[in-house]
Amino acid sequence: MKNSIISQNDGKPSSTQKDSNFNLFLENAFFLIANRKHIMCNPKMYYTVIDANNGLAYSGNSGLKNTTLGCYLNWWSNCLQASDIDNDNSKWVIARIAGSPLSGCNNCLAVSNDGKVKFIEHPHFRILWKTLMENNKMFNDTSLQQEAYTLQEVIELLRQNTSYDEKDTHIFFLERAYYRQKSEIKSLNETKKRYYDKISQLKVEAKNTLLQPHMEEYTQLREMTSYYTKKINTLKINLKIKLKAGQIDRHRYQRLHMYLCLRRDMLQERLKLFRSRIMSCVDGLEGVTFSEILTYYQPPK
């Protein structure tokens, strides 16, 4: 898969911390993802604390203390940058974050579905730490954390009552990769439009000397067209009132109504032809629409 997050660099093998449940968490991360629905139905499971040791420069682990299993599962589900499928079709999740919230320099730990663990510099670190903090707030209840199962107990209970669904896990990762790509495409399209609008504006600006007298004349013509169109619409309304009141017969109504519609269409066609004339008599406006020219000459609100 192109433009993957996790494989932007090769990373470094990780030696995980000792005397914590983090090793167990890494070894079973994908089993836990497969059983996320079962876990998220049981507070004693999703309030299990994971000793991940997440932290930020300057603030340490403030806002990131006691991240729970539910916090991680919810984060992986909703933060599109916290999971990935790399170019070798390996699935990855971010298991620990560490870095500077100011510079963005970071050294995050990722784990794959085949048990590989490595450090990477994540290109969207700001999104990672902000969303992890937000998710941590949702599961930050000390009393419930104290009553929760240990991670070992959670895994044992799940193995007794559930099974690993590889297809479901694959769908989980494909969906997130799809939505992330969709979000990136939307962002690129927005950037593309900003560049296009700027180019159009500069083209119009470069031809301002030629365009301005035409646009002044067009404005007058448009105002006149609007004035007479409103008068025609009023006449059409009055004509219908007269028909309903029996003051004119249907044959005369249809004839006059058709005449008014024709006059309105002629006014609109005249305005349309004037727009075409402007576009054809000024060179160098390739790719620029008349509505973009009009936007340039509209007075600021």
Protein backbone atom coordinates (compact mmCIF):
# COMPACT_ATOMS: atom_id res chain seq x y z
CA MET A 1 0.00 0.00 0.00
CA LYS A 2 1.48 3.34 -1.02
CA ASN A 3 1.99 6.32 1.31
CA SER A 4 1.99 4.16 4.41
CA ILE A 5 2.73 5.77 7.76
CA ILE A 6 4.59 3.06 9.63
CA SER A 7 7.06 2.15 6.90
CA GLN A 8 8.26 5.65 6.10
CA ASN A 9 11.49 4.63 7.76
CA ASP A 10 12.96 1.29 8.69
CA GLY A 11 12.81 1.97 12.40
CA LYS A 12 14.89 0.22 15.02
CA PRO A 13 14.18 -3.04 16.86
CA SER A 14 12.77 -2.36 20.31
CA SER A 15 13.70 -3.93 23.61
CA THR A 16 10.53 -3.44 25.62
CA GLN A 17 10.50 -2.35 29.23
CA LYS A 18 10.68 -4.90 32.01
CA ASP A 19 8.54 -5.30 35.12
CA SER A 20 5.31 -4.22 33.43
CA ASN A 21 2.47 -5.70 31.44
CA PHE A 22 3.61 -3.86 28.32
CA ASN A 23 5.39 -6.87 26.82
CA LEU A 24 2.22 -8.90 27.23
CA PHE A 25 0.25 -6.06 25.66
CA LEU A 26 2.52 -6.00 22.62
CA GLU A 27 2.41 -9.78 22.20
CA ASN A 28 -1.40 -9.79 22.26
CA ALA A 29 -2.24 -6.44 20.64
CA PHE A 30 -3.87 -7.98 17.58
CA PHE A 31 -5.71 -10.61 19.60
CA LEU A 32 -7.12 -7.75 21.69
CA ILE A 33 -8.12 -5.84 18.57
CA ALA A 34 -9.91 -8.91 17.26
CA ASN A 35 -11.86 -9.09 20.52
CA ARG A 36 -12.43 -5.34 20.89
CA LYS A 37 -16.23 -5.59 20.83
CA HIS A 38 -16.23 -8.14 23.63
CA ILE A 39 -13.75 -6.07 25.67
CA MET A 40 -15.65 -2.81 25.24
CA CYS A 41 -18.78 -4.40 26.72
CA ASN A 42 -17.02 -5.13 30.00
CA PRO A 43 -15.68 -2.25 32.19
CA LYS A 44 -13.53 -4.69 34.16
CA MET A 45 -11.73 -5.41 30.89
CA TYR A 46 -11.53 -2.02 29.24
CA TYR A 47 -10.40 -0.29 32.44
CA THR A 48 -7.34 -2.54 32.63
CA VAL A 49 -4.31 -0.27 32.87
CA ILE A 50 -1.53 -0.73 30.31
CA ASP A 51 1.95 0.24 31.54
CA ALA A 52 2.88 1.88 28.25
CA ASN A 53 4.95 4.73 29.69
CA ASN A 54 3.69 7.25 27.11
CA GLY A 55 5.20 10.71 27.50
CA LEU A 56 5.91 14.09 26.00
CA ALA A 57 8.89 16.38 26.28
CA TYR A 58 8.38 19.21 28.82
CA SER A 59 5.15 17.77 30.27
CA GLY A 60 6.21 14.16 30.90
CA ASN A 61 3.27 11.78 31.19
CA SER A 62 0.76 14.47 32.20
CA GLY A 63 -2.51 13.57 30.50
CA LEU A 64 -1.10 10.19 29.51
CA LYS A 65 -0.97 8.40 32.86
CA ASN A 66 -2.65 5.02 33.31
CA THR A 67 -3.70 4.53 29.70
CA THR A 68 -6.17 1.66 29.69
CA LEU A 69 -7.02 -1.13 27.31
CA GLY A 70 -10.26 0.67 26.42
CA CYS A 71 -8.33 3.86 25.72
CA TYR A 72 -6.06 2.03 23.28
CA LEU A 73 -8.86 0.16 21.52
CA ASN A 74 -10.90 3.32 21.15
CA TRP A 75 -7.84 5.23 19.94
CA TRP A 76 -6.90 2.59 17.37
CA SER A 77 -10.50 2.57 16.17
CA ASN A 78 -10.90 6.32 15.76
CA CYS A 79 -7.45 7.81 15.16
CA LEU A 80 -6.67 7.01 11.53
CA GLN A 81 -2.98 7.75 12.05
CA ALA A 82 -2.58 5.20 14.86
CA SER A 83 -2.73 2.17 12.55
CA ASP A 84 -1.44 1.28 9.12
CA ILE A 85 -0.86 -1.40 6.51
CA ASP A 86 2.63 -1.13 5.05
CA ASN A 87 3.94 -1.91 1.57
CA ASP A 88 4.49 -5.55 2.57
CA ASN A 89 0.84 -5.82 3.74
CA SER A 90 1.90 -6.07 7.37
CA LYS A 91 -0.51 -4.46 9.81
CA TRP A 92 0.83 -2.07 12.45
CA VAL A 93 -0.47 -0.14 15.43
CA ILE A 94 1.21 2.53 17.53
CA ALA A 95 1.71 1.12 21.02
CA ARG A 96 3.65 3.93 22.71
CA ILE A 97 4.20 7.60 21.95
CA ALA A 98 7.18 9.73 22.95
CA GLY A 99 8.32 13.04 21.53
CA SER A 100 8.13 16.82 21.55
CA PRO A 101 4.73 18.50 21.17
CA LEU A 102 6.51 21.65 19.98
CA SER A 103 9.03 20.44 17.39
CA GLY A 104 7.15 17.28 16.44
CA CYS A 105 10.32 15.19 16.77
CA ASN A 106 9.27 11.82 18.11
CA ASN A 107 10.22 8.21 18.67
CA CYS A 108 7.05 6.13 18.72
CA LEU A 109 6.87 2.40 19.19
CA ALA A 110 4.88 0.31 16.73
CA VAL A 111 3.98 -3.38 16.76
CA SER A 112 2.95 -5.51 13.80
CA ASN A 113 0.58 -8.43 13.44
CA ASP A 114 3.54 -10.81 13.02
CA GLY A 115 5.16 -9.71 16.29
CA LYS A 116 7.70 -7.21 14.99
CA VAL A 117 8.33 -4.23 17.25
CA LYS A 118 10.22 -1.10 16.20
CA PHE A 119 10.65 2.60 16.85
CA ILE A 120 9.58 5.06 14.16
CA GLU A 121 9.37 8.79 13.70
CA HIS A 122 5.69 9.36 13.00
CA PRO A 123 4.84 12.10 10.46
CA HIS A 124 1.60 13.01 12.28
CA PHE A 125 2.80 13.10 15.85
CA ARG A 126 0.63 16.06 16.87
CA ILE A 127 -2.51 14.14 15.92
CA LEU A 128 -1.28 11.07 17.81
CA TRP A 129 -0.61 12.65 21.18
CA LYS A 130 -3.67 14.91 21.11
CA THR A 131 -6.08 12.09 20.29
CA LEU A 132 -4.43 9.71 22.78
CA MET A 133 -4.90 12.32 25.51
CA GLU A 134 -8.54 12.78 24.52
CA ASN A 135 -9.16 9.04 24.67
CA ASN A 136 -7.32 8.74 27.98
CA LYS A 137 -9.73 11.27 29.55
CA MET A 138 -12.64 9.04 28.61
CA PHE A 139 -11.24 6.10 30.59
CA ASN A 140 -9.65 8.00 33.47
CA ASP A 141 -11.56 6.62 36.45
CA THR A 142 -9.17 5.49 39.20
CA SER A 143 -11.75 3.49 41.15
CA LEU A 144 -12.82 1.51 38.08
CA GLN A 145 -9.18 0.95 37.13
CA GLN A 146 -8.51 -0.52 40.57
CA GLU A 147 -11.44 -2.94 40.20
CA ALA A 148 -10.43 -4.00 36.68
CA TYR A 149 -8.88 -7.32 35.70
CA THR A 150 -5.17 -7.61 35.12
CA LEU A 151 -4.16 -7.84 31.49
CA GLN A 152 -3.25 -11.51 31.98
CA GLU A 153 -6.76 -12.19 33.32
CA VAL A 154 -8.34 -10.37 30.39
CA ILE A 155 -6.38 -12.46 27.89
CA GLU A 156 -7.17 -15.73 29.69
CA LEU A 157 -10.89 -14.91 29.83
CA LEU A 158 -10.94 -14.00 26.16
CA ARG A 159 -9.15 -17.19 25.16
CA GLN A 160 -11.72 -19.23 27.07
CA ASN A 161 -14.76 -17.50 25.59
CA THR A 162 -13.77 -16.06 22.20
CA SER A 163 -11.66 -16.81 19.16
CA TYR A 164 -9.31 -14.83 16.94
CA ASP A 165 -11.09 -13.63 13.78
CA GLU A 166 -8.37 -12.83 11.24
CA LYS A 167 -10.84 -11.61 8.58
CA ASP A 168 -12.49 -9.18 10.99
CA THR A 169 -9.07 -7.80 11.96
CA HIS A 170 -8.11 -7.44 8.30
CA ILE A 171 -11.32 -5.51 7.62
CA PHE A 172 -10.60 -3.31 10.65
CA PHE A 173 -7.24 -2.25 9.23
CA LEU A 174 -8.40 -1.93 5.64
CA GLU A 175 -11.24 0.37 6.72
CA ARG A 176 -8.88 2.66 8.60
CA ALA A 177 -6.39 2.72 5.75
CA TYR A 178 -9.24 3.55 3.36
CA TYR A 179 -10.62 6.38 5.51
CA ARG A 180 -7.14 7.81 6.04
CA GLN A 181 -6.48 7.81 2.28
CA LYS A 182 -9.90 9.40 1.75
CA SER A 183 -9.07 12.12 4.29
CA GLU A 184 -5.68 12.75 2.66
CA ILE A 185 -7.29 12.98 -0.79
CA LYS A 186 -9.80 15.50 0.55
CA SER A 187 -6.98 17.56 2.03
CA LEU A 188 -5.04 17.41 -1.26
CA ASN A 189 -8.12 18.48 -3.22
CA GLU A 190 -8.62 21.43 -0.88
CA THR A 191 -4.98 22.44 -1.36
CA LYS A 192 -5.34 21.99 -5.12
CA LYS A 193 -8.40 24.28 -5.13
CA ARG A 194 -6.57 26.97 -3.16
CA TYR A 195 -3.73 26.92 -5.71
CA TYR A 196 -6.19 26.93 -8.61
CA ASP A 197 -8.13 29.88 -7.15
CA LYS A 198 -4.90 31.81 -6.63
CA ILE A 199 -3.76 31.14 -10.20
CA SER A 200 -7.13 32.29 -11.56
CA GLN A 201 -7.00 35.42 -9.42
CA LEU A 202 -3.50 36.27 -10.66
CA LYS A 203 -4.53 35.73 -14.30
CA VAL A 204 -7.49 38.08 -13.91
CA GLU A 205 -5.34 40.60 -12.07
CA ALA A 206 -2.80 40.56 -14.91
CA LYS A 207 -5.58 41.42 -17.40
CA ASN A 208 -7.27 44.02 -15.21
CA THR A 209 -6.58 46.95 -17.57
CA LEU A 210 -8.43 45.20 -20.41
CA LEU A 211 -11.12 43.62 -18.28
CA GLN A 212 -12.20 46.50 -16.08
CA PRO A 213 -14.09 48.59 -18.70
CA HIS A 214 -15.84 45.45 -19.97
CA MET A 215 -16.81 44.46 -16.43
CA GLU A 216 -18.17 47.94 -15.69
CA GLU A 217 -20.37 47.67 -18.78
CA TYR A 218 -21.37 44.14 -17.82
CA THR A 219 -22.39 45.31 -14.34
CA GLN A 220 -24.66 47.95 -15.83
CA LEU A 221 -26.18 45.44 -18.24
CA ARG A 222 -26.73 42.91 -15.45
CA GLU A 223 -28.47 45.50 -13.26
CA MET A 224 -30.70 46.54 -16.16
CA THR A 225 -31.47 42.88 -16.92
CA SER A 226 -32.34 42.25 -13.27
CA TYR A 227 -34.61 45.32 -13.20
CA TYR A 228 -36.59 44.34 -16.30
CA THR A 229 -36.72 40.67 -15.31
CA LYS A 230 -38.38 41.65 -12.02
CA LYS A 231 -40.87 43.82 -13.92
CA ILE A 232 -41.66 40.95 -16.27
CA ASN A 233 -42.20 38.59 -13.33
CA THR A 234 -44.59 41.13 -11.77
CA LEU A 235 -46.49 41.39 -15.06
CA LYS A 236 -46.76 37.58 -15.20
CA ILE A 237 -48.21 37.50 -11.69
CA ASN A 238 -50.74 40.22 -12.52
CA LEU A 239 -51.61 38.41 -15.72
CA LYS A 240 -52.43 35.26 -13.78
CA ILE A 241 -54.57 37.26 -11.35
CA LYS A 242 -56.54 38.69 -14.27
CA LEU A 243 -57.05 35.19 -15.70
CA LYS A 244 -58.41 33.89 -12.39
CA ALA A 245 -60.67 36.96 -12.07
CA GLY A 246 -62.08 36.33 -15.56
CA GLN A 247 -60.80 39.67 -16.89
CA ILE A 248 -59.02 37.91 -19.78
CA ASP A 249 -59.62 34.56 -21.47
CA ARG A 250 -57.09 31.70 -21.48
CA HIS A 251 -56.12 32.24 -25.12
CA ARG A 252 -55.11 35.89 -24.47
CA TYR A 253 -53.38 34.84 -21.22
CA GLN A 254 -51.25 32.24 -22.99
CA ARG A 255 -50.31 34.66 -25.77
CA LEU A 256 -49.27 37.42 -23.36
CA HIS A 257 -47.55 34.96 -21.03
CA MET A 258 -45.51 33.56 -23.93
CA TYR A 259 -44.55 37.10 -25.01
CA LEU A 260 -43.31 37.94 -21.49
CA CYS A 261 -41.30 34.72 -21.26
CA LEU A 262 -39.74 35.48 -24.63
CA ARG A 263 -38.75 38.97 -23.51
CA ARG A 264 -37.22 37.56 -20.31
CA ASP A 265 -35.26 34.94 -22.29
CA MET A 266 -34.00 37.60 -24.70
CA LEU A 267 -32.66 39.64 -21.78
CA GLN A 268 -30.88 36.63 -20.33
CA GLU A 269 -29.45 35.65 -23.73
CA ARG A 270 -28.12 39.17 -24.23
CA LEU A 271 -26.33 38.95 -20.90
CA LYS A 272 -24.95 35.52 -21.79
CA LEU A 273 -23.61 36.76 -25.14
CA PHE A 274 -21.94 39.70 -23.43
CA ARG A 275 -20.14 37.29 -21.06
CA SER A 276 -18.93 35.23 -24.03
CA ARG A 277 -17.68 38.36 -25.75
CA ILE A 278 -15.62 39.33 -22.71
CA MET A 279 -14.04 35.86 -22.52
CA SER A 280 -13.19 35.83 -26.23
CA CYS A 281 -11.72 39.32 -26.52
CA VAL A 282 -9.20 38.98 -23.65
CA ASP A 283 -6.28 36.58 -24.19
CA GLY A 284 -4.47 34.79 -21.38
CA LEU A 285 -7.53 33.66 -19.40
CA GLU A 286 -7.31 29.97 -20.30
CA GLY A 287 -8.80 27.86 -17.53
CA VAL A 288 -10.51 30.85 -15.90
CA THR A 289 -14.31 30.84 -15.72
CA PHE A 290 -16.45 33.94 -15.97
CA SER A 291 -17.75 33.38 -12.43
CA GLU A 292 -14.13 33.61 -11.22
CA ILE A 293 -13.69 36.89 -13.09
CA LEU A 294 -16.93 38.12 -11.57
CA THR A 295 -15.75 37.15 -8.08
CA TYR A 296 -12.62 39.23 -8.57
CA TYR A 297 -14.64 42.35 -9.44
CA GLN A 298 -17.32 41.93 -6.80
CA PRO A 299 -17.04 44.57 -4.06
CA PRO A 300 -15.95 43.18 -0.68
CA LYS A 301 -18.82 42.55 1.73
